[in-house]
Amino acid sequence: IFQGEKMIAPEQQGNYLFGFYLFVSAMLFNTLANRFIRKD
């Protein structure tokens, strides 16, 4: 993403799309799974 930011209009911000938020949700689900495994 930082490489792409440099390609055009450095003063503008890019848009994070659905795929990026899937990373965040996967990390959240992994944290919840680890918590319940520890609880068991």
Full PDB file with SEQRES, HELIX, SHEET, SSBOND, CRYST1, ORIGX, SCALE, CONECT and MASTER records, all heavy atoms in Angstrom:
SEQRES   1 A   40  ILE PHE GLN GLY GLU LYS MET ILE ALA PRO GLU GLN GLN          
SEQRES   2 A   40  GLY ASN TYR LEU PHE GLY PHE TYR LEU PHE VAL SER ALA          
SEQRES   3 A   40  MET LEU PHE ASN THR LEU ALA ASN ARG PHE ILE ARG LYS          
SEQRES   4 A   40  ASP                                                          
HELIX    1 AA1 PHE A    2  MET A    7  1                                   6    
HELIX    2 AA2 PHE A   18  LYS A   39  1                                  22    
CRYST1    1.000    1.000    1.000  90.00  90.00  90.00 P 1           1          
ORIGX1      1.000000  0.000000  0.000000        0.00000                         
ORIGX2      0.000000  1.000000  0.000000        0.00000                         
ORIGX3      0.000000  0.000000  1.000000        0.00000                         
SCALE1      1.000000  0.000000  0.000000        0.00000                         
SCALE2      0.000000  1.000000  0.000000        0.00000                         
SCALE3      0.000000  0.000000  1.000000        0.00000                         
ATOM      1  N   ILE A   1       0.844  -1.196   0.000  1.00  0.00           N  
ATOM      2  CA  ILE A   1       0.000   0.000   0.000  1.00  0.00           C  
ATOM      3  C   ILE A   1       0.873   1.238   0.000  1.00  0.00           C  
ATOM      4  O   ILE A   1       0.612   2.196  -0.744  1.00  0.00           O  
ATOM      5  CB  ILE A   1      -0.963  -0.017   1.209  1.00  0.00           C  
ATOM      6  CG1 ILE A   1      -2.066  -1.038   0.965  1.00  0.00           C  
ATOM      7  CG2 ILE A   1      -1.552   1.362   1.462  1.00  0.00           C  
ATOM      8  CD1 ILE A   1      -2.945  -1.308   2.171  1.00  0.00           C  
ATOM      9  N   PHE A   2       1.949   1.236   0.785  1.00  0.00           N  
ATOM     10  CA  PHE A   2       2.862   2.377   0.785  1.00  0.00           C  
ATOM     11  C   PHE A   2       3.552   2.533  -0.568  1.00  0.00           C  
ATOM     12  O   PHE A   2       3.807   3.652  -1.010  1.00  0.00           O  
ATOM     13  CB  PHE A   2       3.893   2.262   1.905  1.00  0.00           C  
ATOM     14  CG  PHE A   2       3.363   2.636   3.253  1.00  0.00           C  
ATOM     15  CD1 PHE A   2       3.576   1.816   4.344  1.00  0.00           C  
ATOM     16  CD2 PHE A   2       2.631   3.791   3.448  1.00  0.00           C  
ATOM     17  CE1 PHE A   2       3.090   2.143   5.596  1.00  0.00           C  
ATOM     18  CE2 PHE A   2       2.130   4.132   4.690  1.00  0.00           C  
ATOM     19  CZ  PHE A   2       2.366   3.308   5.771  1.00  0.00           C  
ATOM     20  N   GLN A   3       3.846   1.422  -1.226  1.00  0.00           N  
ATOM     21  CA  GLN A   3       4.418   1.505  -2.573  1.00  0.00           C  
ATOM     22  C   GLN A   3       3.419   2.132  -3.545  1.00  0.00           C  
ATOM     23  O   GLN A   3       3.782   2.920  -4.399  1.00  0.00           O  
ATOM     24  CB  GLN A   3       4.831   0.112  -3.066  1.00  0.00           C  
ATOM     25  CG  GLN A   3       5.937  -0.532  -2.276  1.00  0.00           C  
ATOM     26  CD  GLN A   3       7.208   0.286  -2.290  1.00  0.00           C  
ATOM     27  OE1 GLN A   3       7.630   0.773  -3.327  1.00  0.00           O  
ATOM     28  NE2 GLN A   3       7.803   0.472  -1.126  1.00  0.00           N  
ATOM     29  N   GLY A   4       2.148   1.747  -3.415  1.00  0.00           N  
ATOM     30  CA  GLY A   4       1.105   2.295  -4.270  1.00  0.00           C  
ATOM     31  C   GLY A   4       0.831   3.764  -3.992  1.00  0.00           C  
ATOM     32  O   GLY A   4       0.503   4.522  -4.911  1.00  0.00           O  
ATOM     33  N   GLU A   5       0.973   4.182  -2.742  1.00  0.00           N  
ATOM     34  CA  GLU A   5       0.762   5.590  -2.384  1.00  0.00           C  
ATOM     35  C   GLU A   5       1.732   6.500  -3.131  1.00  0.00           C  
ATOM     36  O   GLU A   5       1.385   7.618  -3.491  1.00  0.00           O  
ATOM     37  CB  GLU A   5       0.939   5.797  -0.875  1.00  0.00           C  
ATOM     38  CG  GLU A   5      -0.165   5.268  -0.018  1.00  0.00           C  
ATOM     39  CD  GLU A   5      -1.390   6.165   0.033  1.00  0.00           C  
ATOM     40  OE1 GLU A   5      -1.348   7.296  -0.481  1.00  0.00           O  
ATOM     41  OE2 GLU A   5      -2.399   5.709   0.578  1.00  0.00           O  
ATOM     42  N   LYS A   6       2.933   6.020  -3.359  1.00  0.00           N  
ATOM     43  CA  LYS A   6       3.960   6.825  -4.021  1.00  0.00           C  
ATOM     44  C   LYS A   6       3.738   6.952  -5.526  1.00  0.00           C  
ATOM     45  O   LYS A   6       4.294   7.833  -6.158  1.00  0.00           O  
ATOM     46  CB  LYS A   6       5.339   6.205  -3.786  1.00  0.00           C  
ATOM     47  CG  LYS A   6       5.769   6.176  -2.347  1.00  0.00           C  
ATOM     48  CD  LYS A   6       7.086   5.450  -2.219  1.00  0.00           C  
ATOM     49  CE  LYS A   6       7.443   5.178  -0.781  1.00  0.00           C  
ATOM     50  NZ  LYS A   6       8.639   4.337  -0.672  1.00  0.00           N  
ATOM     51  N   MET A   7       2.934   6.057  -6.108  1.00  0.00           N  
ATOM     52  CA  MET A   7       2.787   6.023  -7.573  1.00  0.00           C  
ATOM     53  C   MET A   7       2.033   7.227  -8.131  1.00  0.00           C  
ATOM     54  O   MET A   7       2.433   7.780  -9.143  1.00  0.00           O  
ATOM     55  CB  MET A   7       2.097   4.733  -8.007  1.00  0.00           C  
ATOM     56  CG  MET A   7       2.946   3.518  -7.861  1.00  0.00           C  
ATOM     57  SD  MET A   7       2.075   2.080  -8.459  1.00  0.00           S  
ATOM     58  CE  MET A   7       3.355   0.862  -8.380  1.00  0.00           C  
ATOM     59  N   ILE A   8       0.930   7.588  -7.510  1.00  0.00           N  
ATOM     60  CA  ILE A   8       0.159   8.734  -7.999  1.00  0.00           C  
ATOM     61  C   ILE A   8      -0.286   9.612  -6.848  1.00  0.00           C  
ATOM     62  O   ILE A   8      -0.579   9.132  -5.766  1.00  0.00           O  
ATOM     63  CB  ILE A   8      -1.088   8.305  -8.821  1.00  0.00           C  
ATOM     64  CG1 ILE A   8      -2.032   7.447  -7.991  1.00  0.00           C  
ATOM     65  CG2 ILE A   8      -0.707   7.595 -10.081  1.00  0.00           C  
ATOM     66  CD1 ILE A   8      -3.353   7.164  -8.658  1.00  0.00           C  
ATOM     67  N   ALA A   9      -0.346  10.890  -7.082  1.00  0.00           N  
ATOM     68  CA  ALA A   9      -0.875  11.897  -6.160  1.00  0.00           C  
ATOM     69  C   ALA A   9      -0.546  11.615  -4.700  1.00  0.00           C  
ATOM     70  O   ALA A   9      -1.426  11.227  -3.930  1.00  0.00           O  
ATOM     71  CB  ALA A   9      -2.385  12.028  -6.354  1.00  0.00           C  
ATOM     72  N   PRO A  10       0.704  11.811  -4.280  1.00  0.00           N  
ATOM     73  CA  PRO A  10       1.077  11.515  -2.896  1.00  0.00           C  
ATOM     74  C   PRO A  10       0.283  12.306  -1.850  1.00  0.00           C  
ATOM     75  O   PRO A  10       0.185  11.888  -0.705  1.00  0.00           O  
ATOM     76  CB  PRO A  10       2.554  11.892  -2.827  1.00  0.00           C  
ATOM     77  CG  PRO A  10       3.019  11.985  -4.226  1.00  0.00           C  
ATOM     78  CD  PRO A  10       1.829  12.273  -5.067  1.00  0.00           C  
ATOM     79  N   GLU A  11      -0.288  13.425  -2.240  1.00  0.00           N  
ATOM     80  CA  GLU A  11      -1.048  14.226  -1.276  1.00  0.00           C  
ATOM     81  C   GLU A  11      -2.448  13.663  -1.004  1.00  0.00           C  
ATOM     82  O   GLU A  11      -3.073  14.013  -0.023  1.00  0.00           O  
ATOM     83  CB  GLU A  11      -1.170  15.686  -1.746  1.00  0.00           C  
ATOM     84  CG  GLU A  11      -1.995  15.895  -3.001  1.00  0.00           C  
ATOM     85  CD  GLU A  11      -1.245  15.601  -4.300  1.00  0.00           C  
ATOM     86  OE1 GLU A  11      -0.030  15.357  -4.272  1.00  0.00           O  
ATOM     87  OE2 GLU A  11      -1.905  15.610  -5.345  1.00  0.00           O  
ATOM     88  N   GLN A  12      -2.933  12.754  -1.866  1.00  0.00           N  
ATOM     89  CA  GLN A  12      -4.246  12.137  -1.676  1.00  0.00           C  
ATOM     90  C   GLN A  12      -4.120  10.822  -0.906  1.00  0.00           C  
ATOM     91  O   GLN A  12      -3.100  10.159  -0.975  1.00  0.00           O  
ATOM     92  CB  GLN A  12      -4.902  11.830  -3.022  1.00  0.00           C  
ATOM     93  CG  GLN A  12      -5.456  13.020  -3.740  1.00  0.00           C  
ATOM     94  CD  GLN A  12      -6.121  12.585  -5.027  1.00  0.00           C  
ATOM     95  OE1 GLN A  12      -5.593  11.760  -5.744  1.00  0.00           O  
ATOM     96  NE2 GLN A  12      -7.279  13.155  -5.298  1.00  0.00           N  
ATOM     97  N   GLN A  13      -5.208  10.464  -0.245  1.00  0.00           N  
ATOM     98  CA  GLN A  13      -5.266   9.183   0.458  1.00  0.00           C  
ATOM     99  C   GLN A  13      -5.931   8.141  -0.428  1.00  0.00           C  
ATOM    100  O   GLN A  13      -6.826   8.469  -1.199  1.00  0.00           O  
ATOM    101  CB  GLN A  13      -6.090   9.299   1.742  1.00  0.00           C  
ATOM    102  CG  GLN A  13      -5.363   9.940   2.888  1.00  0.00           C  
ATOM    103  CD  GLN A  13      -4.356   8.994   3.512  1.00  0.00           C  
ATOM    104  OE1 GLN A  13      -3.806   8.101   2.878  1.00  0.00           O  
ATOM    105  NE2 GLN A  13      -4.091   9.200   4.772  1.00  0.00           N  
ATOM    106  N   GLY A  14      -5.509   6.906  -0.283  1.00  0.00           N  
ATOM    107  CA  GLY A  14      -6.152   5.801  -0.973  1.00  0.00           C  
ATOM    108  C   GLY A  14      -7.325   5.284  -0.156  1.00  0.00           C  
ATOM    109  O   GLY A  14      -7.593   5.746   0.951  1.00  0.00           O  
ATOM    110  N   ASN A  15      -8.023   4.307  -0.710  1.00  0.00           N  
ATOM    111  CA  ASN A  15      -9.193   3.731  -0.045  1.00  0.00           C  
ATOM    112  C   ASN A  15      -8.914   2.280   0.324  1.00  0.00           C  
ATOM    113  O   ASN A  15      -8.545   1.492  -0.536  1.00  0.00           O  
ATOM    114  CB  ASN A  15     -10.400   3.765  -0.980  1.00  0.00           C  
ATOM    115  CG  ASN A  15     -10.738   5.161  -1.423  1.00  0.00           C  
ATOM    116  OD1 ASN A  15     -10.758   6.076  -0.619  1.00  0.00           O  
ATOM    117  ND2 ASN A  15     -10.968   5.330  -2.716  1.00  0.00           N  
ATOM    118  N   TYR A  16      -9.132   1.947   1.597  1.00  0.00           N  
ATOM    119  CA  TYR A  16      -9.041   0.558   2.025  1.00  0.00           C  
ATOM    120  C   TYR A  16     -10.353  -0.122   1.649  1.00  0.00           C  
ATOM    121  O   TYR A  16     -11.425   0.371   1.972  1.00  0.00           O  
ATOM    122  CB  TYR A  16      -8.795   0.455   3.532  1.00  0.00           C  
ATOM    123  CG  TYR A  16      -7.446   0.996   3.927  1.00  0.00           C  
ATOM    124  CD1 TYR A  16      -7.306   2.275   4.444  1.00  0.00           C  
ATOM    125  CD2 TYR A  16      -6.314   0.228   3.752  1.00  0.00           C  
ATOM    126  CE1 TYR A  16      -6.070   2.775   4.793  1.00  0.00           C  
ATOM    127  CE2 TYR A  16      -5.069   0.711   4.086  1.00  0.00           C  
ATOM    128  CZ  TYR A  16      -4.950   1.987   4.608  1.00  0.00           C  
ATOM    129  OH  TYR A  16      -3.719   2.473   4.943  1.00  0.00           O  
ATOM    130  N   LEU A  17     -10.256  -1.253   0.977  1.00  0.00           N  
ATOM    131  CA  LEU A  17     -11.436  -1.931   0.475  1.00  0.00           C  
ATOM    132  C   LEU A  17     -11.762  -3.161   1.323  1.00  0.00           C  
ATOM    133  O   LEU A  17     -11.091  -3.457   2.314  1.00  0.00           O  
ATOM    134  CB  LEU A  17     -11.225  -2.300  -0.990  1.00  0.00           C  
ATOM    135  CG  LEU A  17     -10.940  -1.101  -1.906  1.00  0.00           C  
ATOM    136  CD1 LEU A  17     -10.634  -1.566  -3.313  1.00  0.00           C  
ATOM    137  CD2 LEU A  17     -12.099  -0.134  -1.908  1.00  0.00           C  
ATOM    138  N   PHE A  18     -12.777  -3.895   0.922  1.00  0.00           N  
ATOM    139  CA  PHE A  18     -13.320  -5.019   1.685  1.00  0.00           C  
ATOM    140  C   PHE A  18     -12.256  -6.063   2.032  1.00  0.00           C  
ATOM    141  O   PHE A  18     -12.250  -6.607   3.137  1.00  0.00           O  
ATOM    142  CB  PHE A  18     -14.465  -5.655   0.895  1.00  0.00           C  
ATOM    143  CG  PHE A  18     -15.163  -6.754   1.622  1.00  0.00           C  
ATOM    144  CD1 PHE A  18     -15.871  -6.503   2.776  1.00  0.00           C  
ATOM    145  CD2 PHE A  18     -15.113  -8.055   1.146  1.00  0.00           C  
ATOM    146  CE1 PHE A  18     -16.519  -7.511   3.453  1.00  0.00           C  
ATOM    147  CE2 PHE A  18     -15.764  -9.077   1.813  1.00  0.00           C  
ATOM    148  CZ  PHE A  18     -16.466  -8.801   2.971  1.00  0.00           C  
ATOM    149  N   GLY A  19     -11.360  -6.350   1.115  1.00  0.00           N  
ATOM    150  CA  GLY A  19     -10.332  -7.356   1.356  1.00  0.00           C  
ATOM    151  C   GLY A  19      -9.440  -7.014   2.535  1.00  0.00           C  
ATOM    152  O   GLY A  19      -9.033  -7.891   3.303  1.00  0.00           O  
ATOM    153  N   PHE A  20      -9.120  -5.748   2.702  1.00  0.00           N  
ATOM    154  CA  PHE A  20      -8.271  -5.338   3.813  1.00  0.00           C  
ATOM    155  C   PHE A  20      -8.974  -5.594   5.146  1.00  0.00           C  
ATOM    156  O   PHE A  20      -8.356  -6.039   6.110  1.00  0.00           O  
ATOM    157  CB  PHE A  20      -7.913  -3.854   3.683  1.00  0.00           C  
ATOM    158  CG  PHE A  20      -6.896  -3.390   4.678  1.00  0.00           C  
ATOM    159  CD1 PHE A  20      -5.552  -3.610   4.459  1.00  0.00           C  
ATOM    160  CD2 PHE A  20      -7.280  -2.756   5.845  1.00  0.00           C  
ATOM    161  CE1 PHE A  20      -4.600  -3.194   5.381  1.00  0.00           C  
ATOM    162  CE2 PHE A  20      -6.352  -2.344   6.772  1.00  0.00           C  
ATOM    163  CZ  PHE A  20      -5.007  -2.563   6.539  1.00  0.00           C  
ATOM    164  N   TYR A  21     -10.276  -5.342   5.189  1.00  0.00           N  
ATOM    165  CA  TYR A  21     -11.027  -5.552   6.423  1.00  0.00           C  
ATOM    166  C   TYR A  21     -11.226  -7.036   6.717  1.00  0.00           C  
ATOM    167  O   TYR A  21     -11.484  -7.406   7.864  1.00  0.00           O  
ATOM    168  CB  TYR A  21     -12.351  -4.796   6.381  1.00  0.00           C  
ATOM    169  CG  TYR A  21     -12.117  -3.301   6.335  1.00  0.00           C  
ATOM    170  CD1 TYR A  21     -12.411  -2.574   5.197  1.00  0.00           C  
ATOM    171  CD2 TYR A  21     -11.548  -2.645   7.417  1.00  0.00           C  
ATOM    172  CE1 TYR A  21     -12.172  -1.213   5.151  1.00  0.00           C  
ATOM    173  CE2 TYR A  21     -11.299  -1.285   7.370  1.00  0.00           C  
ATOM    174  CZ  TYR A  21     -11.618  -0.572   6.233  1.00  0.00           C  
ATOM    175  OH  TYR A  21     -11.354   0.768   6.188  1.00  0.00           O  
ATOM    176  N   LEU A  22     -11.099  -7.885   5.702  1.00  0.00           N  
ATOM    177  CA  LEU A  22     -11.149  -9.329   5.951  1.00  0.00           C  
ATOM    178  C   LEU A  22      -9.927  -9.777   6.756  1.00  0.00           C  
ATOM    179  O   LEU A  22     -10.013 -10.703   7.559  1.00  0.00           O  
ATOM    180  CB  LEU A  22     -11.248 -10.102   4.639  1.00  0.00           C  
ATOM    181  CG  LEU A  22     -12.626 -10.090   3.991  1.00  0.00           C  
ATOM    182  CD1 LEU A  22     -12.569 -10.709   2.602  1.00  0.00           C  
ATOM    183  CD2 LEU A  22     -13.633 -10.813   4.853  1.00  0.00           C  
ATOM    184  N   PHE A  23      -8.776  -9.119   6.531  1.00  0.00           N  
ATOM    185  CA  PHE A  23      -7.598  -9.394   7.367  1.00  0.00           C  
ATOM    186  C   PHE A  23      -7.911  -9.079   8.826  1.00  0.00           C  
ATOM    187  O   PHE A  23      -7.611  -9.860   9.732  1.00  0.00           O  
ATOM    188  CB  PHE A  23      -6.413  -8.501   6.955  1.00  0.00           C  
ATOM    189  CG  PHE A  23      -5.464  -9.128   5.996  1.00  0.00           C  
ATOM    190  CD1 PHE A  23      -5.091  -8.450   4.852  1.00  0.00           C  
ATOM    191  CD2 PHE A  23      -4.910 -10.365   6.239  1.00  0.00           C  
ATOM    192  CE1 PHE A  23      -4.210  -9.002   3.968  1.00  0.00           C  
ATOM    193  CE2 PHE A  23      -4.024 -10.926   5.359  1.00  0.00           C  
ATOM    194  CZ  PHE A  23      -3.670 -10.237   4.218  1.00  0.00           C  
ATOM    195  N   VAL A  24      -8.509  -7.929   9.050  1.00  0.00           N  
ATOM    196  CA  VAL A  24      -8.825  -7.497  10.410  1.00  0.00           C  
ATOM    197  C   VAL A  24      -9.804  -8.476  11.067  1.00  0.00           C  
ATOM    198  O   VAL A  24      -9.626  -8.865  12.224  1.00  0.00           O  
ATOM    199  CB  VAL A  24      -9.396  -6.060  10.398  1.00  0.00           C  
ATOM    200  CG1 VAL A  24      -9.826  -5.630  11.786  1.00  0.00           C  
ATOM    201  CG2 VAL A  24      -8.365  -5.093   9.838  1.00  0.00           C  
ATOM    202  N   SER A  25     -10.832  -8.886  10.322  1.00  0.00           N  
ATOM    203  CA  SER A  25     -11.805  -9.820  10.895  1.00  0.00           C  
ATOM    204  C   SER A  25     -11.156 -11.173  11.187  1.00  0.00           C  
ATOM    205  O   SER A  25     -11.458 -11.797  12.210  1.00  0.00           O  
ATOM    206  CB  SER A  25     -13.010  -9.986   9.972  1.00  0.00           C  
ATOM    207  OG  SER A  25     -12.648 -10.637   8.786  1.00  0.00           O  
ATOM    208  N   ALA A  26     -10.265 -11.637  10.317  1.00  0.00           N  
ATOM    209  CA  ALA A  26      -9.582 -12.913  10.562  1.00  0.00           C  
ATOM    210  C   ALA A  26      -8.733 -12.841  11.833  1.00  0.00           C  
ATOM    211  O   ALA A  26      -8.718 -13.787  12.627  1.00  0.00           O  
ATOM    212  CB  ALA A  26      -8.711 -13.286   9.365  1.00  0.00           C  
ATOM    213  N   MET A  27      -8.056 -11.730  12.034  1.00  0.00           N  
ATOM    214  CA  MET A  27      -7.245 -11.587  13.245  1.00  0.00           C  
ATOM    215  C   MET A  27      -8.130 -11.521  14.490  1.00  0.00           C  
ATOM    216  O   MET A  27      -7.783 -12.090  15.533  1.00  0.00           O  
ATOM    217  CB  MET A  27      -6.347 -10.360  13.141  1.00  0.00           C  
ATOM    218  CG  MET A  27      -5.293 -10.522  12.058  1.00  0.00           C  
ATOM    219  SD  MET A  27      -4.185  -9.141  11.959  1.00  0.00           S  
ATOM    220  CE  MET A  27      -2.904  -9.716  13.043  1.00  0.00           C  
ATOM    221  N   LEU A  28      -9.271 -10.870  14.390  1.00  0.00           N  
ATOM    222  CA  LEU A  28     -10.209 -10.812  15.506  1.00  0.00           C  
ATOM    223  C   LEU A  28     -10.752 -12.204  15.832  1.00  0.00           C  
ATOM    224  O   LEU A  28     -10.788 -12.605  17.002  1.00  0.00           O  
ATOM    225  CB  LEU A  28     -11.360  -9.858  15.184  1.00  0.00           C  
ATOM    226  CG  LEU A  28     -12.460  -9.767  16.228  1.00  0.00           C  
ATOM    227  CD1 LEU A  28     -11.937  -9.076  17.482  1.00  0.00           C  
ATOM    228  CD2 LEU A  28     -13.655  -9.037  15.673  1.00  0.00           C  
ATOM    229  N   PHE A  29     -11.154 -12.955  14.811  1.00  0.00           N  
ATOM    230  CA  PHE A  29     -11.664 -14.312  15.036  1.00  0.00           C  
ATOM    231  C   PHE A  29     -10.584 -15.213  15.631  1.00  0.00           C  
ATOM    232  O   PHE A  29     -10.875 -16.057  16.480  1.00  0.00           O  
ATOM    233  CB  PHE A  29     -12.187 -14.928  13.737  1.00  0.00           C  
ATOM    234  CG  PHE A  29     -13.449 -14.293  13.222  1.00  0.00           C  
ATOM    235  CD1 PHE A  29     -13.627 -14.076  11.864  1.00  0.00           C  
ATOM    236  CD2 PHE A  29     -14.464 -13.912  14.081  1.00  0.00           C  
ATOM    237  CE1 PHE A  29     -14.782 -13.497  11.386  1.00  0.00           C  
ATOM    238  CE2 PHE A  29     -15.637 -13.328  13.612  1.00  0.00           C  
ATOM    239  CZ  PHE A  29     -15.788 -13.120  12.256  1.00  0.00           C  
ATOM    240  N   ASN A  30      -9.344 -15.044  15.195  1.00  0.00           N  
ATOM    241  CA  ASN A  30      -8.248 -15.853  15.740  1.00  0.00           C  
ATOM    242  C   ASN A  30      -8.029 -15.529  17.219  1.00  0.00           C  
ATOM    243  O   ASN A  30      -7.807 -16.435  18.035  1.00  0.00           O  
ATOM    244  CB  ASN A  30      -6.967 -15.605  14.939  1.00  0.00           C  
ATOM    245  CG  ASN A  30      -5.909 -16.626  15.240  1.00  0.00           C  
ATOM    246  OD1 ASN A  30      -6.150 -17.824  15.175  1.00  0.00           O  
ATOM    247  ND2 ASN A  30      -4.722 -16.150  15.593  1.00  0.00           N  
ATOM    248  N   THR A  31      -8.119 -14.258  17.572  1.00  0.00           N  
ATOM    249  CA  THR A  31      -7.979 -13.863  18.970  1.00  0.00           C  
ATOM    250  C   THR A  31      -9.097 -14.461  19.823  1.00  0.00           C  
ATOM    251  O   THR A  31      -8.850 -14.968  20.928  1.00  0.00           O  
ATOM    252  CB  THR A  31      -7.992 -12.325  19.087  1.00  0.00           C  
ATOM    253  OG1 THR A  31      -6.939 -11.799  18.288  1.00  0.00           O  
ATOM    254  CG2 THR A  31      -7.818 -11.879  20.523  1.00  0.00           C  
ATOM    255  N   LEU A  32     -10.314 -14.428  19.312  1.00  0.00           N  
ATOM    256  CA  LEU A  32     -11.443 -15.008  20.053  1.00  0.00           C  
ATOM    257  C   LEU A  32     -11.286 -16.525  20.201  1.00  0.00           C  
ATOM    258  O   LEU A  32     -11.569 -17.080  21.269  1.00  0.00           O  
ATOM    259  CB  LEU A  32     -12.759 -14.675  19.352  1.00  0.00           C  
ATOM    260  CG  LEU A  32     -13.201 -13.218  19.451  1.00  0.00           C  
ATOM    261  CD1 LEU A  32     -14.380 -12.960  18.537  1.00  0.00           C  
ATOM    262  CD2 LEU A  32     -13.524 -12.856  20.881  1.00  0.00           C  
ATOM    263  N   ALA A  33     -10.846 -17.188  19.143  1.00  0.00           N  
ATOM    264  CA  ALA A  33     -10.624 -18.635  19.221  1.00  0.00           C  
ATOM    265  C   ALA A  33      -9.565 -18.961  20.265  1.00  0.00           C  
ATOM    266  O   ALA A  33      -9.743 -19.882  21.071  1.00  0.00           O  
ATOM    267  CB  ALA A  33     -10.219 -19.185  17.854  1.00  0.00           C  
ATOM    268  N   ASN A  34      -8.471 -18.203  20.272  1.00  0.00           N  
ATOM    269  CA  ASN A  34      -7.413 -18.437  21.257  1.00  0.00           C  
ATOM    270  C   ASN A  34      -7.928 -18.226  22.678  1.00  0.00           C  
ATOM    271  O   ASN A  34      -7.573 -18.976  23.594  1.00  0.00           O  
ATOM    272  CB  ASN A  34      -6.219 -17.523  20.992  1.00  0.00           C  
ATOM    273  CG  ASN A  34      -5.466 -17.915  19.756  1.00  0.00           C  
ATOM    274  OD1 ASN A  34      -5.597 -19.032  19.271  1.00  0.00           O  
ATOM    275  ND2 ASN A  34      -4.683 -16.993  19.233  1.00  0.00           N  
ATOM    276  N   ARG A  35      -8.756 -17.223  22.864  1.00  0.00           N  
ATOM    277  CA  ARG A  35      -9.309 -16.967  24.193  1.00  0.00           C  
ATOM    278  C   ARG A  35     -10.176 -18.137  24.667  1.00  0.00           C  
ATOM    279  O   ARG A  35     -10.075 -18.567  25.814  1.00  0.00           O  
ATOM    280  CB  ARG A  35     -10.128 -15.681  24.165  1.00  0.00           C  
ATOM    281  CG  ARG A  35     -10.774 -15.378  25.503  1.00  0.00           C  
ATOM    282  CD  ARG A  35     -11.337 -14.015  25.557  1.00  0.00           C  
ATOM    283  NE  ARG A  35     -10.205 -13.095  25.566  1.00  0.00           N  
ATOM    284  CZ  ARG A  35     -10.312 -11.795  25.391  1.00  0.00           C  
ATOM    285  NH1 ARG A  35     -11.477 -11.266  25.199  1.00  0.00           N  
ATOM    286  NH2 ARG A  35      -9.249 -11.021  25.416  1.00  0.00           N  
ATOM    287  N   PHE A  36     -11.014 -18.672  23.785  1.00  0.00           N  
ATOM    288  CA  PHE A  36     -11.877 -19.785  24.191  1.00  0.00           C  
ATOM    289  C   PHE A  36     -11.097 -21.086  24.369  1.00  0.00           C  
ATOM    290  O   PHE A  36     -11.462 -21.911  25.210  1.00  0.00           O  
ATOM    291  CB  PHE A  36     -13.027 -19.963  23.193  1.00  0.00           C  
ATOM    292  CG  PHE A  36     -14.121 -18.955  23.380  1.00  0.00           C  
ATOM    293  CD1 PHE A  36     -14.269 -17.905  22.509  1.00  0.00           C  
ATOM    294  CD2 PHE A  36     -14.992 -19.062  24.455  1.00  0.00           C  
ATOM    295  CE1 PHE A  36     -15.274 -16.964  22.683  1.00  0.00           C  
ATOM    296  CE2 PHE A  36     -16.001 -18.135  24.647  1.00  0.00           C  
ATOM    297  CZ  PHE A  36     -16.144 -17.073  23.755  1.00  0.00           C  
ATOM    298  N   ILE A  37     -10.043 -21.278  23.599  1.00  0.00           N  
ATOM    299  CA  ILE A  37      -9.193 -22.459  23.804  1.00  0.00           C  
ATOM    300  C   ILE A  37      -8.537 -22.376  25.186  1.00  0.00           C  
ATOM    301  O   ILE A  37      -8.495 -23.355  25.929  1.00  0.00           O  
ATOM    302  CB  ILE A  37      -8.129 -22.571  22.685  1.00  0.00           C  
ATOM    303  CG1 ILE A  37      -8.786 -22.876  21.345  1.00  0.00           C  
ATOM    304  CG2 ILE A  37      -7.095 -23.641  23.027  1.00  0.00           C  
ATOM    305  CD1 ILE A  37      -7.863 -22.688  20.155  1.00  0.00           C  
ATOM    306  N   ARG A  38      -8.018 -21.207  25.529  1.00  0.00           N  
ATOM    307  CA  ARG A  38      -7.397 -21.005  26.833  1.00  0.00           C  
ATOM    308  C   ARG A  38      -8.419 -21.214  27.959  1.00  0.00           C  
ATOM    309  O   ARG A  38      -8.113 -21.812  28.990  1.00  0.00           O  
ATOM    310  CB  ARG A  38      -6.800 -19.596  26.911  1.00  0.00           C  
ATOM    311  CG  ARG A  38      -5.855 -19.408  28.052  1.00  0.00           C  
ATOM    312  CD  ARG A  38      -5.134 -18.056  28.046  1.00  0.00           C  
ATOM    313  NE  ARG A  38      -4.846 -17.524  26.728  1.00  0.00           N  
ATOM    314  CZ  ARG A  38      -5.444 -16.438  26.201  1.00  0.00           C  
ATOM    315  NH1 ARG A  38      -6.347 -15.779  26.883  1.00  0.00           N  
ATOM    316  NH2 ARG A  38      -5.105 -16.013  25.017  1.00  0.00           N  
ATOM    317  N   LYS A  39      -9.637 -20.747  27.742  1.00  0.00           N  
ATOM    318  CA  LYS A  39     -10.697 -20.912  28.736  1.00  0.00           C  
ATOM    319  C   LYS A  39     -11.013 -22.394  28.948  1.00  0.00           C  
ATOM    320  O   LYS A  39     -11.205 -22.841  30.086  1.00  0.00           O  
ATOM    321  CB  LYS A  39     -11.936 -20.164  28.251  1.00  0.00           C  
ATOM    322  CG  LYS A  39     -12.940 -19.856  29.293  1.00  0.00           C  
ATOM    323  CD  LYS A  39     -14.022 -18.979  28.667  1.00  0.00           C  
ATOM    324  CE  LYS A  39     -15.034 -18.542  29.670  1.00  0.00           C  
ATOM    325  NZ  LYS A  39     -16.084 -17.721  29.067  1.00  0.00           N  
ATOM    326  N   ASP A  40     -11.076 -23.178  27.862  1.00  0.00           N  
ATOM    327  CA  ASP A  40     -11.297 -24.621  27.977  1.00  0.00           C  
ATOM    328  C   ASP A  40     -10.169 -25.295  28.756  1.00  0.00           C  
ATOM    329  O   ASP A  40     -10.410 -26.176  29.587  1.00  0.00           O  
ATOM    330  CB  ASP A  40     -11.394 -25.267  26.593  1.00  0.00           C  
ATOM    331  CG  ASP A  40     -12.802 -25.290  26.054  1.00  0.00           C  
ATOM    332  OD1 ASP A  40     -13.710 -24.760  26.721  1.00  0.00           O  
ATOM    333  OD2 ASP A  40     -12.985 -25.847  24.954  1.00  0.00           O  
TER     334      ASP A  40                                                      
MASTER        0    0    0    2    0    0    0    6  333    1    0    4          
END                                                                             
